[in-house]
């Protein structure tokens, strides 16, 4: 499958696969509290405007080239603005052997729930 000029693994966008890869904000908040690995797939300007504390910036367009940087054997929570890009990213990562989970509603839902965000370009724990 091709997206943005890149080739993705077979099975990348199957609907049942997508449903297994999405978690709600409450589940994510508990994982975040326990030190979860968090990747933000938005663009740098979006990330700088406000991101989940501790989230590493890895824009969606860079994901195929940078997926090897992510740990295996632990869940990787993927966030974006609303949950669309993160679901695509989580599906790609899962098809690549990474236990990736998209956060439904993204950073927007996180903020609306009263959770903190960090402004600027550095990830903060």
PDB file of N, CA and C in Angstrom:
ATOM      1  N   UNK A   1       0.842  -1.165   0.000  1.00  0.00           N
ATOM      2  CA  UNK A   1       0.000   0.000   0.000  1.00  0.00           C
ATOM      3  C   UNK A   1       0.896   1.240   0.000  1.00  0.00           C
ATOM      4  N   UNK A   2       0.488   2.255  -0.719  1.00  0.00           N
ATOM      5  CA  UNK A   2       1.259   3.498  -0.773  1.00  0.00           C
ATOM      6  C   UNK A   2       0.476   4.617  -0.094  1.00  0.00           C
ATOM      7  N   UNK A   3       1.215   5.456   0.622  1.00  0.00           N
ATOM      8  CA  UNK A   3       0.638   6.630   1.264  1.00  0.00           C
ATOM      9  C   UNK A   3       1.736   7.675   1.319  1.00  0.00           C
ATOM     10  N   UNK A   4       1.471   8.846   0.795  1.00  0.00           N
ATOM     11  CA  UNK A   4       2.476   9.894   0.816  1.00  0.00           C
ATOM     12  C   UNK A   4       3.743   9.517   0.079  1.00  0.00           C
ATOM     13  N   UNK A   5       3.616   8.691  -0.969  1.00  0.00           N
ATOM     14  CA  UNK A   5       4.781   8.302  -1.743  1.00  0.00           C
ATOM     15  C   UNK A   5       5.596   7.187  -1.110  1.00  0.00           C
ATOM     16  N   UNK A   6       5.154   6.652   0.015  1.00  0.00           N
ATOM     17  CA  UNK A   6       5.901   5.585   0.694  1.00  0.00           C
ATOM     18  C   UNK A   6       5.122   4.280   0.626  1.00  0.00           C
ATOM     19  N   UNK A   7       5.847   3.194   0.679  1.00  0.00           N
ATOM     20  CA  UNK A   7       5.240   1.870   0.659  1.00  0.00           C
ATOM     21  C   UNK A   7       5.076   1.369   2.095  1.00  0.00           C
ATOM     22  N   UNK A   8       3.895   0.846   2.405  1.00  0.00           N
ATOM     23  CA  UNK A   8       3.598   0.342   3.731  1.00  0.00           C
ATOM     24  C   UNK A   8       3.365  -1.161   3.675  1.00  0.00           C
ATOM     25  N   UNK A   9       3.534  -1.851   4.801  1.00  0.00           N
ATOM     26  CA  UNK A   9       3.361  -3.305   4.829  1.00  0.00           C
ATOM     27  C   UNK A   9       1.947  -3.735   4.459  1.00  0.00           C
ATOM     28  N   UNK A  10       1.845  -4.944   3.921  1.00  0.00           N
ATOM     29  CA  UNK A  10       0.550  -5.536   3.585  1.00  0.00           C
ATOM     30  C   UNK A  10      -0.310  -5.607   4.850  1.00  0.00           C
ATOM     31  N   UNK A  11      -1.597  -5.336   4.717  1.00  0.00           N
ATOM     32  CA  UNK A  11      -2.518  -5.417   5.837  1.00  0.00           C
ATOM     33  C   UNK A  11      -2.575  -4.164   6.686  1.00  0.00           C
ATOM     34  N   UNK A  12      -1.881  -3.144   6.284  1.00  0.00           N
ATOM     35  CA  UNK A  12      -1.723  -1.908   7.048  1.00  0.00           C
ATOM     36  C   UNK A  12      -3.041  -1.244   7.432  1.00  0.00           C
ATOM     37  N   UNK A  13      -4.044  -1.230   6.561  1.00  0.00           N
ATOM     38  CA  UNK A  13      -5.251  -0.442   6.825  1.00  0.00           C
ATOM     39  C   UNK A  13      -6.510  -1.267   7.053  1.00  0.00           C
ATOM     40  N   UNK A  14      -6.388  -2.524   7.405  1.00  0.00           N
ATOM     41  CA  UNK A  14      -7.587  -3.335   7.617  1.00  0.00           C
ATOM     42  C   UNK A  14      -8.373  -2.823   8.829  1.00  0.00           C
ATOM     43  N   UNK A  15      -9.689  -2.722   8.663  1.00  0.00           N
ATOM     44  CA  UNK A  15     -10.536  -2.125   9.695  1.00  0.00           C
ATOM     45  C   UNK A  15     -10.445  -2.845  11.039  1.00  0.00           C
ATOM     46  N   UNK A  16     -10.481  -4.180  11.043  1.00  0.00           N
ATOM     47  CA  UNK A  16     -10.430  -4.897  12.317  1.00  0.00           C
ATOM     48  C   UNK A  16      -9.092  -4.684  13.016  1.00  0.00           C
ATOM     49  N   UNK A  17      -8.044  -4.505  12.245  1.00  0.00           N
ATOM     50  CA  UNK A  17      -6.713  -4.239  12.777  1.00  0.00           C
ATOM     51  C   UNK A  17      -6.703  -2.863  13.433  1.00  0.00           C
ATOM     52  N   UNK A  18      -7.348  -1.898  12.805  1.00  0.00           N
ATOM     53  CA  UNK A  18      -7.408  -0.542  13.348  1.00  0.00           C
ATOM     54  C   UNK A  18      -8.131  -0.523  14.691  1.00  0.00           C
ATOM     55  N   UNK A  19      -9.222  -1.242  14.807  1.00  0.00           N
ATOM     56  CA  UNK A  19      -9.998  -1.243  16.041  1.00  0.00           C
ATOM     57  C   UNK A  19      -9.191  -1.795  17.213  1.00  0.00           C
ATOM     58  N   UNK A  20      -8.324  -2.746  16.966  1.00  0.00           N
ATOM     59  CA  UNK A  20      -7.499  -3.318  18.019  1.00  0.00           C
ATOM     60  C   UNK A  20      -6.424  -2.344  18.477  1.00  0.00           C
ATOM     61  N   UNK A  21      -6.132  -1.358  17.695  1.00  0.00           N
ATOM     62  CA  UNK A  21      -5.014  -0.458  17.943  1.00  0.00           C
ATOM     63  C   UNK A  21      -5.400   0.858  18.587  1.00  0.00           C
ATOM     64  N   UNK A  22      -6.642   1.049  18.973  1.00  0.00           N
ATOM     65  CA  UNK A  22      -7.073   2.333  19.512  1.00  0.00           C
ATOM     66  C   UNK A  22      -7.427   2.204  20.993  1.00  0.00           C
ATOM     67  N   UNK A  23      -6.929   3.161  21.810  1.00  0.00           N
ATOM     68  CA  UNK A  23      -7.251   3.185  23.235  1.00  0.00           C
ATOM     69  C   UNK A  23      -7.903   4.528  23.566  1.00  0.00           C
ATOM     70  N   UNK A  24      -8.732   4.528  24.599  1.00  0.00           N
ATOM     71  CA  UNK A  24      -9.377   5.781  24.993  1.00  0.00           C
ATOM     72  C   UNK A  24      -8.448   6.605  25.889  1.00  0.00           C
ATOM     73  N   UNK A  25      -8.855   7.840  26.148  1.00  0.00           N
ATOM     74  CA  UNK A  25      -7.988   8.757  26.897  1.00  0.00           C
ATOM     75  C   UNK A  25      -7.782   8.314  28.343  1.00  0.00           C
ATOM     76  N   UNK A  26      -8.740   7.600  28.923  1.00  0.00           N
ATOM     77  CA  UNK A  26      -8.596   7.123  30.299  1.00  0.00           C
ATOM     78  C   UNK A  26      -7.532   6.034  30.385  1.00  0.00           C
ATOM     79  N   UNK A  27      -7.579   5.104  29.440  1.00  0.00           N
ATOM     80  CA  UNK A  27      -6.568   4.046  29.379  1.00  0.00           C
ATOM     81  C   UNK A  27      -5.193   4.648  29.142  1.00  0.00           C
ATOM     82  N   UNK A  28      -5.139   5.618  28.227  1.00  0.00           N
ATOM     83  CA  UNK A  28      -3.866   6.273  27.946  1.00  0.00           C
ATOM     84  C   UNK A  28      -3.355   7.031  29.166  1.00  0.00           C
ATOM     85  N   UNK A  29      -4.236   7.729  29.871  1.00  0.00           N
ATOM     86  CA  UNK A  29      -3.814   8.492  31.053  1.00  0.00           C
ATOM     87  C   UNK A  29      -3.174   7.571  32.092  1.00  0.00           C
ATOM     88  N   UNK A  30      -3.749   6.389  32.291  1.00  0.00           N
ATOM     89  CA  UNK A  30      -3.178   5.429  33.245  1.00  0.00           C
ATOM     90  C   UNK A  30      -1.807   4.952  32.778  1.00  0.00           C
ATOM     91  N   UNK A  31      -1.687   4.655  31.493  1.00  0.00           N
ATOM     92  CA  UNK A  31      -0.398   4.213  30.946  1.00  0.00           C
ATOM     93  C   UNK A  31       0.632   5.335  31.031  1.00  0.00           C
ATOM     94  N   UNK A  32       0.214   6.555  30.728  1.00  0.00           N
ATOM     95  CA  UNK A  32       1.108   7.717  30.787  1.00  0.00           C
ATOM     96  C   UNK A  32       1.619   7.919  32.209  1.00  0.00           C
ATOM     97  N   UNK A  33       0.741   7.781  33.163  1.00  0.00           N
ATOM     98  CA  UNK A  33       1.111   7.923  34.574  1.00  0.00           C
ATOM     99  C   UNK A  33       2.168   6.885  34.966  1.00  0.00           C
ATOM    100  N   UNK A  34       2.109   5.718  34.321  1.00  0.00           N
ATOM    101  CA  UNK A  34       3.061   4.641  34.605  1.00  0.00           C
ATOM    102  C   UNK A  34       4.328   4.719  33.760  1.00  0.00           C
ATOM    103  N   UNK A  35       4.501   5.814  33.008  1.00  0.00           N
ATOM    104  CA  UNK A  35       5.737   6.008  32.246  1.00  0.00           C
ATOM    105  C   UNK A  35       5.735   5.441  30.841  1.00  0.00           C
ATOM    106  N   UNK A  36       4.586   5.376  30.216  1.00  0.00           N
ATOM    107  CA  UNK A  36       4.471   4.822  28.858  1.00  0.00           C
ATOM    108  C   UNK A  36       5.339   5.565  27.850  1.00  0.00           C
ATOM    109  N   UNK A  37       5.718   4.848  26.797  1.00  0.00           N
ATOM    110  CA  UNK A  37       6.404   5.450  25.656  1.00  0.00           C
ATOM    111  C   UNK A  37       5.335   6.144  24.819  1.00  0.00           C
ATOM    112  N   UNK A  38       5.537   7.438  24.537  1.00  0.00           N
ATOM    113  CA  UNK A  38       4.551   8.222  23.790  1.00  0.00           C
ATOM    114  C   UNK A  38       5.231   8.881  22.606  1.00  0.00           C
ATOM    115  N   UNK A  39       4.627   8.737  21.431  1.00  0.00           N
ATOM    116  CA  UNK A  39       5.138   9.344  20.207  1.00  0.00           C
ATOM    117  C   UNK A  39       4.055  10.255  19.642  1.00  0.00           C
ATOM    118  N   UNK A  40       4.433  11.476  19.314  1.00  0.00           N
ATOM    119  CA  UNK A  40       3.522  12.459  18.721  1.00  0.00           C
ATOM    120  C   UNK A  40       3.852  12.548  17.236  1.00  0.00           C
ATOM    121  N   UNK A  41       2.887  12.224  16.374  1.00  0.00           N
ATOM    122  CA  UNK A  41       3.142  12.180  14.929  1.00  0.00           C
ATOM    123  C   UNK A  41       2.689  13.443  14.197  1.00  0.00           C
ATOM    124  N   UNK A  42       2.425  14.507  14.942  1.00  0.00           N
ATOM    125  CA  UNK A  42       2.048  15.769  14.304  1.00  0.00           C
ATOM    126  C   UNK A  42       3.286  16.465  13.746  1.00  0.00           C
ATOM    127  N   UNK A  43       3.046  17.567  13.088  1.00  0.00           N
ATOM    128  CA  UNK A  43       4.139  18.372  12.548  1.00  0.00           C
ATOM    129  C   UNK A  43       4.800  19.168  13.679  1.00  0.00           C
ATOM    130  N   UNK A  44       6.058  19.576  13.498  1.00  0.00           N
ATOM    131  CA  UNK A  44       6.770  20.292  14.562  1.00  0.00           C
ATOM    132  C   UNK A  44       6.037  21.528  15.095  1.00  0.00           C
ATOM    133  N   UNK A  45       5.391  22.301  14.222  1.00  0.00           N
ATOM    134  CA  UNK A  45       4.696  23.497  14.704  1.00  0.00           C
ATOM    135  C   UNK A  45       3.516  23.127  15.596  1.00  0.00           C
ATOM    136  N   UNK A  46       2.846  22.002  15.312  1.00  0.00           N
ATOM    137  CA  UNK A  46       1.731  21.546  16.145  1.00  0.00           C
ATOM    138  C   UNK A  46       2.247  21.073  17.504  1.00  0.00           C
ATOM    139  N   UNK A  47       3.319  20.312  17.465  1.00  0.00           N
ATOM    140  CA  UNK A  47       3.956  19.797  18.677  1.00  0.00           C
ATOM    141  C   UNK A  47       4.375  20.956  19.582  1.00  0.00           C
ATOM    142  N   UNK A  48       5.008  21.979  19.004  1.00  0.00           N
ATOM    143  CA  UNK A  48       5.485  23.129  19.773  1.00  0.00           C
ATOM    144  C   UNK A  48       4.336  23.892  20.429  1.00  0.00           C
ATOM    145  N   UNK A  49       3.164  23.877  19.801  1.00  0.00           N
ATOM    146  CA  UNK A  49       2.003  24.588  20.341  1.00  0.00           C
ATOM    147  C   UNK A  49       1.437  23.913  21.584  1.00  0.00           C
ATOM    148  N   UNK A  50       1.738  22.645  21.789  1.00  0.00           N
ATOM    149  CA  UNK A  50       1.285  21.927  22.974  1.00  0.00           C
ATOM    150  C   UNK A  50       1.251  20.437  22.736  1.00  0.00           C
ATOM    151  N   UNK A  51       1.983  19.686  23.563  1.00  0.00           N
ATOM    152  CA  UNK A  51       2.027  18.232  23.411  1.00  0.00           C
ATOM    153  C   UNK A  51       1.946  17.543  24.773  1.00  0.00           C
ATOM    154  N   UNK A  52       1.631  16.269  24.751  1.00  0.00           N
ATOM    155  CA  UNK A  52       1.564  15.457  25.956  1.00  0.00           C
ATOM    156  C   UNK A  52       2.959  15.431  26.587  1.00  0.00           C
ATOM    157  N   UNK A  53       3.068  15.662  27.889  1.00  0.00           N
ATOM    158  CA  UNK A  53       4.381  15.620  28.530  1.00  0.00           C
ATOM    159  C   UNK A  53       5.097  14.291  28.261  1.00  0.00           C
ATOM    160  N   UNK A  54       6.355  14.382  27.880  1.00  0.00           N
ATOM    161  CA  UNK A  54       7.159  13.195  27.615  1.00  0.00           C
ATOM    162  C   UNK A  54       7.041  12.635  26.218  1.00  0.00           C
ATOM    163  N   UNK A  55       6.150  13.184  25.404  1.00  0.00           N
ATOM    164  CA  UNK A  55       5.962  12.666  24.041  1.00  0.00           C
ATOM    165  C   UNK A  55       7.147  13.037  23.157  1.00  0.00           C
ATOM    166  N   UNK A  56       7.623  12.060  22.407  1.00  0.00           N
ATOM    167  CA  UNK A  56       8.699  12.296  21.448  1.00  0.00           C
ATOM    168  C   UNK A  56       8.082  12.701  20.116  1.00  0.00           C
ATOM    169  N   UNK A  57       8.649  13.702  19.479  1.00  0.00           N
ATOM    170  CA  UNK A  57       8.162  14.145  18.171  1.00  0.00           C
ATOM    171  C   UNK A  57       8.711  13.241  17.078  1.00  0.00           C
ATOM    172  N   UNK A  58       7.804  12.666  16.292  1.00  0.00           N
ATOM    173  CA  UNK A  58       8.163  11.833  15.157  1.00  0.00           C
ATOM    174  C   UNK A  58       7.075  12.027  14.100  1.00  0.00           C
ATOM    175  N   UNK A  59       7.161  13.107  13.297  1.00  0.00           N
ATOM    176  CA  UNK A  59       6.106  13.395  12.320  1.00  0.00           C
ATOM    177  C   UNK A  59       5.766  12.181  11.450  1.00  0.00           C
ATOM    178  N   UNK A  60       4.499  12.058  11.114  1.00  0.00           N
ATOM    179  CA  UNK A  60       4.011  10.918  10.344  1.00  0.00           C
ATOM    180  C   UNK A  60       4.839  10.672   9.093  1.00  0.00           C
ATOM    181  N   UNK A  61       5.216  11.723   8.398  1.00  0.00           N
ATOM    182  CA  UNK A  61       5.980  11.552   7.159  1.00  0.00           C
ATOM    183  C   UNK A  61       7.363  10.958   7.404  1.00  0.00           C
ATOM    184  N   UNK A  62       7.885  11.067   8.632  1.00  0.00           N
ATOM    185  CA  UNK A  62       9.198  10.517   8.969  1.00  0.00           C
ATOM    186  C   UNK A  62       9.121   9.111   9.553  1.00  0.00           C
ATOM    187  N   UNK A  63       7.929   8.665   9.865  1.00  0.00           N
ATOM    188  CA  UNK A  63       7.748   7.401  10.570  1.00  0.00           C
ATOM    189  C   UNK A  63       8.405   6.201   9.891  1.00  0.00           C
ATOM    190  N   UNK A  64       8.227   6.001   8.591  1.00  0.00           N
ATOM    191  CA  UNK A  64       8.869   4.830   7.977  1.00  0.00           C
ATOM    192  C   UNK A  64      10.390   4.813   8.166  1.00  0.00           C
ATOM    193  N   UNK A  65      11.015   5.969   8.103  1.00  0.00           N
ATOM    194  CA  UNK A  65      12.470   6.042   8.246  1.00  0.00           C
ATOM    195  C   UNK A  65      12.921   5.959   9.706  1.00  0.00           C
ATOM    196  N   UNK A  66      12.041   6.291  10.641  1.00  0.00           N
ATOM    197  CA  UNK A  66      12.447   6.372  12.046  1.00  0.00           C
ATOM    198  C   UNK A  66      11.844   5.305  12.950  1.00  0.00           C
ATOM    199  N   UNK A  67      11.036   4.417  12.410  1.00  0.00           N
ATOM    200  CA  UNK A  67      10.366   3.407  13.233  1.00  0.00           C
ATOM    201  C   UNK A  67      11.349   2.553  14.028  1.00  0.00           C
ATOM    202  N   UNK A  68      12.534   2.326  13.498  1.00  0.00           N
ATOM    203  CA  UNK A  68      13.536   1.504  14.187  1.00  0.00           C
ATOM    204  C   UNK A  68      13.997   2.133  15.503  1.00  0.00           C
ATOM    205  N   UNK A  69      13.743   3.421  15.703  1.00  0.00           N
ATOM    206  CA  UNK A  69      14.112   4.103  16.948  1.00  0.00           C
ATOM    207  C   UNK A  69      13.198   3.703  18.110  1.00  0.00           C
ATOM    208  N   UNK A  70      12.050   3.125  17.795  1.00  0.00           N
ATOM    209  CA  UNK A  70      11.063   2.809  18.824  1.00  0.00           C
ATOM    210  C   UNK A  70      11.334   1.445  19.447  1.00  0.00           C
ATOM    211  N   UNK A  71      11.023   1.315  20.749  1.00  0.00           N
ATOM    212  CA  UNK A  71      11.270   0.040  21.430  1.00  0.00           C
ATOM    213  C   UNK A  71      10.289  -1.041  20.997  1.00  0.00           C
ATOM    214  N   UNK A  72      10.736  -2.250  21.111  1.00  0.00           N
ATOM    215  CA  UNK A  72       9.874  -3.409  20.858  1.00  0.00           C
ATOM    216  C   UNK A  72       9.621  -4.096  22.191  1.00  0.00           C
ATOM    217  N   UNK A  73       8.493  -4.746  22.292  1.00  0.00           N
ATOM    218  CA  UNK A  73       8.180  -5.482  23.506  1.00  0.00           C
ATOM    219  C   UNK A  73       7.473  -4.670  24.586  1.00  0.00           C
ATOM    220  N   UNK A  74       7.253  -3.388  24.323  1.00  0.00           N
ATOM    221  CA  UNK A  74       6.476  -2.543  25.241  1.00  0.00           C
ATOM    222  C   UNK A  74       5.480  -1.758  24.402  1.00  0.00           C
ATOM    223  N   UNK A  75       4.336  -1.402  24.967  1.00  0.00           N
ATOM    224  CA  UNK A  75       3.383  -0.602  24.197  1.00  0.00           C
ATOM    225  C   UNK A  75       3.949   0.781  23.868  1.00  0.00           C
ATOM    226  N   UNK A  76       3.679   1.237  22.665  1.00  0.00           N
ATOM    227  CA  UNK A  76       4.045   2.581  22.224  1.00  0.00           C
ATOM    228  C   UNK A  76       2.728   3.290  21.929  1.00  0.00           C
ATOM    229  N   UNK A  77       2.454   4.366  22.654  1.00  0.00           N
ATOM    230  CA  UNK A  77       1.219   5.119  22.482  1.00  0.00           C
ATOM    231  C   UNK A  77       1.470   6.246  21.495  1.00  0.00           C
ATOM    232  N   UNK A  78       0.618   6.330  20.476  1.00  0.00           N
ATOM    233  CA  UNK A  78       0.794   7.300  19.398  1.00  0.00           C
ATOM    234  C   UNK A  78      -0.324   8.333  19.474  1.00  0.00           C
ATOM    235  N   UNK A  79       0.068   9.616  19.479  1.00  0.00           N
ATOM    236  CA  UNK A  79      -0.908  10.703  19.534  1.00  0.00           C
ATOM    237  C   UNK A  79      -0.721  11.646  18.356  1.00  0.00           C
ATOM    238  N   UNK A  80      -1.798  12.327  18.013  1.00  0.00           N
ATOM    239  CA  UNK A  80      -1.770  13.401  17.014  1.00  0.00           C
ATOM    240  C   UNK A  80      -2.742  14.459  17.528  1.00  0.00           C
ATOM    241  N   UNK A  81      -3.357  15.210  16.664  1.00  0.00           N
ATOM    242  CA  UNK A  81      -4.304  16.240  17.104  1.00  0.00           C
ATOM    243  C   UNK A  81      -5.654  15.640  17.493  1.00  0.00           C
ATOM    244  N   UNK A  82      -6.171  14.714  16.661  1.00  0.00           N
ATOM    245  CA  UNK A  82      -7.525  14.207  16.888  1.00  0.00           C
ATOM    246  C   UNK A  82      -7.663  12.688  16.847  1.00  0.00           C
ATOM    247  N   UNK A  83      -6.626  11.983  16.478  1.00  0.00           N
ATOM    248  CA  UNK A  83      -6.677  10.528  16.443  1.00  0.00           C
ATOM    249  C   UNK A  83      -6.619   9.912  15.065  1.00  0.00           C
ATOM    250  N   UNK A  84      -6.669  10.717  14.009  1.00  0.00           N
ATOM    251  CA  UNK A  84      -6.635  10.159  12.654  1.00  0.00           C
ATOM    252  C   UNK A  84      -5.225   9.763  12.230  1.00  0.00           C
ATOM    253  N   UNK A  85      -4.291  10.691  12.296  1.00  0.00           N
ATOM    254  CA  UNK A  85      -2.907  10.375  11.927  1.00  0.00           C
ATOM    255  C   UNK A  85      -2.317   9.323  12.858  1.00  0.00           C
ATOM    256  N   UNK A  86      -2.670   9.411  14.138  1.00  0.00           N
ATOM    257  CA  UNK A  86      -2.111   8.447  15.083  1.00  0.00           C
ATOM    258  C   UNK A  86      -2.610   7.036  14.803  1.00  0.00           C
ATOM    259  N   UNK A  87      -3.843   6.890  14.344  1.00  0.00           N
ATOM    260  CA  UNK A  87      -4.352   5.565  14.009  1.00  0.00           C
ATOM    261  C   UNK A  87      -3.617   5.008  12.800  1.00  0.00           C
ATOM    262  N   UNK A  88      -3.386   5.832  11.799  1.00  0.00           N
ATOM    263  CA  UNK A  88      -2.598   5.394  10.642  1.00  0.00           C
ATOM    264  C   UNK A  88      -1.199   4.993  11.073  1.00  0.00           C
ATOM    265  N   UNK A  89      -0.592   5.806  11.925  1.00  0.00           N
ATOM    266  CA  UNK A  89       0.761   5.522  12.402  1.00  0.00           C
ATOM    267  C   UNK A  89       0.798   4.240  13.226  1.00  0.00           C
ATOM    268  N   UNK A  90      -0.167   4.055  14.116  1.00  0.00           N
ATOM    269  CA  UNK A  90      -0.202   2.851  14.950  1.00  0.00           C
ATOM    270  C   UNK A  90      -0.371   1.606  14.098  1.00  0.00           C
ATOM    271  N   UNK A  91      -1.191   1.685  13.081  1.00  0.00           N
ATOM    272  CA  UNK A  91      -1.369   0.541  12.187  1.00  0.00           C
ATOM    273  C   UNK A  91      -0.088   0.229  11.436  1.00  0.00           C
ATOM    274  N   UNK A  92       0.587   1.252  10.951  1.00  0.00           N
ATOM    275  CA  UNK A  92       1.863   1.049  10.268  1.00  0.00           C
ATOM    276  C   UNK A  92       2.879   0.410  11.215  1.00  0.00           C
ATOM    277  N   UNK A  93       3.003   0.961  12.411  1.00  0.00           N
ATOM    278  CA  UNK A  93       3.974   0.439  13.375  1.00  0.00           C
ATOM    279  C   UNK A  93       3.648  -0.996  13.775  1.00  0.00           C
ATOM    280  N   UNK A  94       2.370  -1.283  14.001  1.00  0.00           N
ATOM    281  CA  UNK A  94       1.964  -2.640  14.367  1.00  0.00           C
ATOM    282  C   UNK A  94       2.294  -3.629  13.258  1.00  0.00           C
ATOM    283  N   UNK A  95       2.066  -3.227  12.017  1.00  0.00           N
ATOM    284  CA  UNK A  95       2.402  -4.093  10.883  1.00  0.00           C
ATOM    285  C   UNK A  95       3.910  -4.285  10.764  1.00  0.00           C
ATOM    286  N   UNK A  96       4.667  -3.395  11.402  1.00  0.00           N
ATOM    287  CA  UNK A  96       6.126  -3.481  11.408  1.00  0.00           C
ATOM    288  C   UNK A  96       6.650  -4.202  12.648  1.00  0.00           C
ATOM    289  N   UNK A  97       5.752  -4.734  13.476  1.00  0.00           N
ATOM    290  CA  UNK A  97       6.168  -5.508  14.640  1.00  0.00           C
ATOM    291  C   UNK A  97       6.263  -4.742  15.948  1.00  0.00           C
ATOM    292  N   UNK A  98       5.749  -3.525  15.986  1.00  0.00           N
ATOM    293  CA  UNK A  98       5.785  -2.710  17.204  1.00  0.00           C
ATOM    294  C   UNK A  98       4.396  -2.713  17.833  1.00  0.00           C
ATOM    295  N   UNK A  99       4.333  -2.866  19.143  1.00  0.00           N
ATOM    296  CA  UNK A  99       3.060  -2.880  19.867  1.00  0.00           C
ATOM    297  C   UNK A  99       2.564  -1.444  20.015  1.00  0.00           C
ATOM    298  N   UNK A 100       1.986  -0.906  18.947  1.00  0.00           N
ATOM    299  CA  UNK A 100       1.571   0.497  18.898  1.00  0.00           C
ATOM    300  C   UNK A 100       0.077   0.634  19.123  1.00  0.00           C
ATOM    301  N   UNK A 101      -0.289   1.698  19.829  1.00  0.00           N
ATOM    302  CA  UNK A 101      -1.691   1.972  20.137  1.00  0.00           C
ATOM    303  C   UNK A 101      -1.988   3.448  19.900  1.00  0.00           C
ATOM    304  N   UNK A 102      -3.027   3.716  19.162  1.00  0.00           N
ATOM    305  CA  UNK A 102      -3.446   5.089  18.884  1.00  0.00           C
ATOM    306  C   UNK A 102      -4.323   5.603  20.016  1.00  0.00           C
ATOM    307  N   UNK A 103      -4.111   6.842  20.396  1.00  0.00           N
ATOM    308  CA  UNK A 103      -4.928   7.463  21.437  1.00  0.00           C
ATOM    309  C   UNK A 103      -6.122   8.146  20.767  1.00  0.00           C
ATOM    310  N   UNK A 104      -7.312   7.600  21.000  1.00  0.00           N
ATOM    311  CA  UNK A 104      -8.537   8.148  20.408  1.00  0.00           C
ATOM    312  C   UNK A 104      -8.732   9.591  20.859  1.00  0.00           C
ATOM    313  N   UNK A 105      -9.013  10.465  19.904  1.00  0.00           N
ATOM    314  CA  UNK A 105      -9.240  11.870  20.221  1.00  0.00           C
ATOM    315  C   UNK A 105      -7.973  12.698  20.290  1.00  0.00           C
ATOM    316  N   UNK A 106      -6.829  12.041  20.345  1.00  0.00           N
ATOM    317  CA  UNK A 106      -5.540  12.715  20.300  1.00  0.00           C
ATOM    318  C   UNK A 106      -5.289  13.724  21.408  1.00  0.00           C
ATOM    319  N   UNK A 107      -4.396  14.650  21.098  1.00  0.00           N
ATOM    320  CA  UNK A 107      -4.013  15.685  22.051  1.00  0.00           C
ATOM    321  C   UNK A 107      -5.209  16.563  22.409  1.00  0.00           C
ATOM    322  N   UNK A 108      -6.124  16.750  21.465  1.00  0.00           N
ATOM    323  CA  UNK A 108      -7.320  17.541  21.741  1.00  0.00           C
ATOM    324  C   UNK A 108      -8.144  16.942  22.867  1.00  0.00           C
ATOM    325  N   UNK A 109      -8.389  15.637  22.823  1.00  0.00           N
ATOM    326  CA  UNK A 109      -9.151  14.963  23.875  1.00  0.00           C
ATOM    327  C   UNK A 109      -8.388  14.995  25.196  1.00  0.00           C
ATOM    328  N   UNK A 110      -7.080  14.841  25.117  1.00  0.00           N
ATOM    329  CA  UNK A 110      -6.226  14.901  26.307  1.00  0.00           C
ATOM    330  C   UNK A 110      -6.399  16.263  27.005  1.00  0.00           C
ATOM    331  N   UNK A 111      -6.333  17.335  26.229  1.00  0.00           N
ATOM    332  CA  UNK A 111      -6.488  18.685  26.787  1.00  0.00           C
ATOM    333  C   UNK A 111      -7.901  18.923  27.311  1.00  0.00           C
ATOM    334  N   UNK A 112      -8.909  18.502  26.548  1.00  0.00           N
ATOM    335  CA  UNK A 112     -10.301  18.696  26.980  1.00  0.00           C
ATOM    336  C   UNK A 112     -10.591  17.964  28.287  1.00  0.00           C
ATOM    337  N   UNK A 113      -9.839  16.904  28.564  1.00  0.00           N
ATOM    338  CA  UNK A 113     -10.012  16.162  29.816  1.00  0.00           C
ATOM    339  C   UNK A 113      -9.274  16.834  30.975  1.00  0.00           C
ATOM    340  N   UNK A 114      -8.656  17.994  30.692  1.00  0.00           N
ATOM    341  CA  UNK A 114      -7.961  18.726  31.743  1.00  0.00           C
ATOM    342  C   UNK A 114      -6.548  18.250  32.010  1.00  0.00           C
ATOM    343  N   UNK A 115      -6.012  17.458  31.106  1.00  0.00           N
ATOM    344  CA  UNK A 115      -4.646  16.937  31.266  1.00  0.00           C
ATOM    345  C   UNK A 115      -3.635  17.990  30.829  1.00  0.00           C
ATOM    346  N   UNK A 116      -2.429  17.930  31.376  1.00  0.00           N
ATOM    347  CA  UNK A 116      -1.426  18.947  31.052  1.00  0.00           C
ATOM    348  C   UNK A 116      -0.811  18.773  29.669  1.00  0.00           C
ATOM    349  N   UNK A 117      -0.386  19.885  29.096  1.00  0.00           N
ATOM    350  CA  UNK A 117       0.402  19.866  27.866  1.00  0.00           C
ATOM    351  C   UNK A 117       1.642  20.717  28.096  1.00  0.00           C
ATOM    352  N   UNK A 118       2.661  20.425  27.319  1.00  0.00           N
ATOM    353  CA  UNK A 118       3.917  21.156  27.379  1.00  0.00           C
ATOM    354  C   UNK A 118       4.038  21.940  26.087  1.00  0.00           C
ATOM    355  N   UNK A 119       4.443  23.186  26.175  1.00  0.00           N
ATOM    356  CA  UNK A 119       4.648  24.004  24.979  1.00  0.00           C
ATOM    357  C   UNK A 119       6.138  24.082  24.694  1.00  0.00           C
ATOM    358  N   UNK A 120       6.473  24.174  23.414  1.00  0.00           N
ATOM    359  CA  UNK A 120       7.873  24.229  23.016  1.00  0.00           C
ATOM    360  C   UNK A 120       8.284  22.971  22.279  1.00  0.00           C
ATOM    361  N   UNK A 121       9.537  22.924  21.903  1.00  0.00           N
ATOM    362  CA  UNK A 121      10.001  21.826  21.051  1.00  0.00           C
ATOM    363  C   UNK A 121      10.665  20.688  21.799  1.00  0.00           C
ATOM    364  N   UNK A 122      10.851  20.791  23.080  1.00  0.00           N
ATOM    365  CA  UNK A 122      11.493  19.714  23.832  1.00  0.00           C
ATOM    366  C   UNK A 122      10.441  18.880  24.551  1.00  0.00           C
ATOM    367  N   UNK A 123      10.625  17.571  24.521  1.00  0.00           N
ATOM    368  CA  UNK A 123       9.737  16.683  25.273  1.00  0.00           C
ATOM    369  C   UNK A 123      10.088  16.815  26.749  1.00  0.00           C
ATOM    370  N   UNK A 124       9.092  16.930  27.592  1.00  0.00           N
ATOM    371  CA  UNK A 124       9.327  17.023  29.031  1.00  0.00           C
ATOM    372  C   UNK A 124       8.610  15.885  29.727  1.00  0.00           C
ATOM    373  N   UNK A 125       9.247  15.307  30.701  1.00  0.00           N
ATOM    374  CA  UNK A 125       8.658  14.174  31.423  1.00  0.00           C
ATOM    375  C   UNK A 125       7.616  14.635  32.412  1.00  0.00           C
TER     376      UNK A 125
END
